[in-house]
Amino acid sequence: MNKNLKFVWDFYGADSEKTANHSLNHIQEFLVKSEINIDIYGVEKVSENHYYSFIVLNIKHIEFIKKKLKPSRAFKC
């Protein structure tokens, strides 16, 4: 059974790609300081005005991520 979740932060508008990349940098910095290793992360394009940043982590981190980083959504992957 896969115990990973994909945490997603959505961004909309003309600068959504730039904002998603910038956000991902801060998320990565925070996780390094929190001593949480991430191997899977990135930015995805949904449309010209909708990009999202994401990380994939073990489900054991769900409460910490929800409380500290407030993702837009999360789902099993």
Protein backbone atom coordinates (compact mmCIF):
# COMPACT_ATOMS: atom_id res chain seq x y z
CA MET A 1 0.00 0.00 0.00
CA ASN A 2 1.38 3.38 -1.02
CA LYS A 3 1.58 5.74 1.92
CA ASN A 4 2.50 8.91 0.04
CA LEU A 5 0.46 12.06 -0.36
CA LYS A 6 0.82 14.80 -2.94
CA PHE A 7 0.41 18.20 -1.28
CA VAL A 8 -0.58 20.96 -3.69
CA TRP A 9 -0.56 24.77 -3.51
CA ASP A 10 -2.61 26.40 -6.30
CA PHE A 11 -1.81 29.78 -7.84
CA TYR A 12 -3.91 31.71 -10.34
CA GLY A 13 -3.35 34.72 -12.55
CA ALA A 14 -0.82 36.11 -14.99
CA ASP A 15 2.09 35.56 -12.56
CA SER A 16 0.98 32.13 -11.34
CA GLU A 17 4.00 30.30 -12.79
CA LYS A 18 6.44 32.68 -11.12
CA THR A 19 4.52 32.55 -7.84
CA ALA A 20 4.36 28.74 -7.85
CA ASN A 21 8.13 28.50 -8.37
CA HIS A 22 8.81 31.07 -5.67
CA SER A 23 6.48 29.28 -3.27
CA LEU A 24 8.18 25.95 -3.93
CA ASN A 25 11.55 27.46 -2.98
CA HIS A 26 10.15 28.57 0.38
CA ILE A 27 8.47 25.20 0.97
CA GLN A 28 11.76 23.41 0.29
CA GLU A 29 13.67 25.74 2.63
CA PHE A 30 11.12 25.18 5.38
CA LEU A 31 11.27 21.41 5.02
CA VAL A 32 15.08 21.41 5.12
CA LYS A 33 14.96 23.42 8.38
CA SER A 34 12.34 20.99 9.70
CA GLU A 35 14.58 18.04 8.74
CA ILE A 36 12.01 16.53 6.37
CA ASN A 37 13.51 15.09 3.19
CA ILE A 38 11.62 15.43 -0.07
CA ASP A 39 12.58 13.64 -3.26
CA ILE A 40 9.56 14.48 -5.35
CA TYR A 41 8.52 18.09 -5.87
CA GLY A 42 7.85 20.51 -8.68
CA VAL A 43 5.59 22.95 -10.46
CA GLU A 44 2.82 21.89 -12.82
CA LYS A 45 0.89 23.88 -15.40
CA VAL A 46 -2.88 23.47 -15.49
CA SER A 47 -3.53 26.40 -17.84
CA GLU A 48 -1.97 29.74 -18.78
CA ASN A 49 -3.34 31.27 -15.59
CA HIS A 50 -3.19 28.30 -13.21
CA TYR A 51 0.00 26.68 -11.94
CA TYR A 52 0.61 24.75 -8.77
CA SER A 53 3.59 23.78 -6.70
CA PHE A 54 3.65 20.34 -5.11
CA ILE A 55 5.60 18.00 -2.87
CA VAL A 56 5.19 14.29 -2.26
CA LEU A 57 5.69 13.07 1.29
CA ASN A 58 4.85 10.11 3.47
CA ILE A 59 1.39 10.29 4.99
CA LYS A 60 2.95 10.50 8.47
CA HIS A 61 3.65 14.20 7.79
CA ILE A 62 0.04 15.11 7.02
CA GLU A 63 -0.83 16.96 10.24
CA PHE A 64 2.46 18.89 10.30
CA ILE A 65 2.12 20.00 6.67
CA LYS A 66 -1.56 20.92 7.04
CA LYS A 67 -0.87 22.98 10.15
CA LYS A 68 2.37 24.70 9.09
CA LEU A 69 2.11 25.04 5.29
CA LYS A 70 -1.65 24.96 4.63
CA PRO A 71 -1.75 23.30 1.20
CA SER A 72 -4.70 23.96 -1.11
CA ARG A 73 -5.33 20.23 -1.39
CA ALA A 74 -3.74 16.82 -0.98
CA PHE A 75 -4.37 13.38 -2.40
CA LYS A 76 -2.92 9.88 -2.44
CA CYS A 77 -0.47 9.20 -5.19
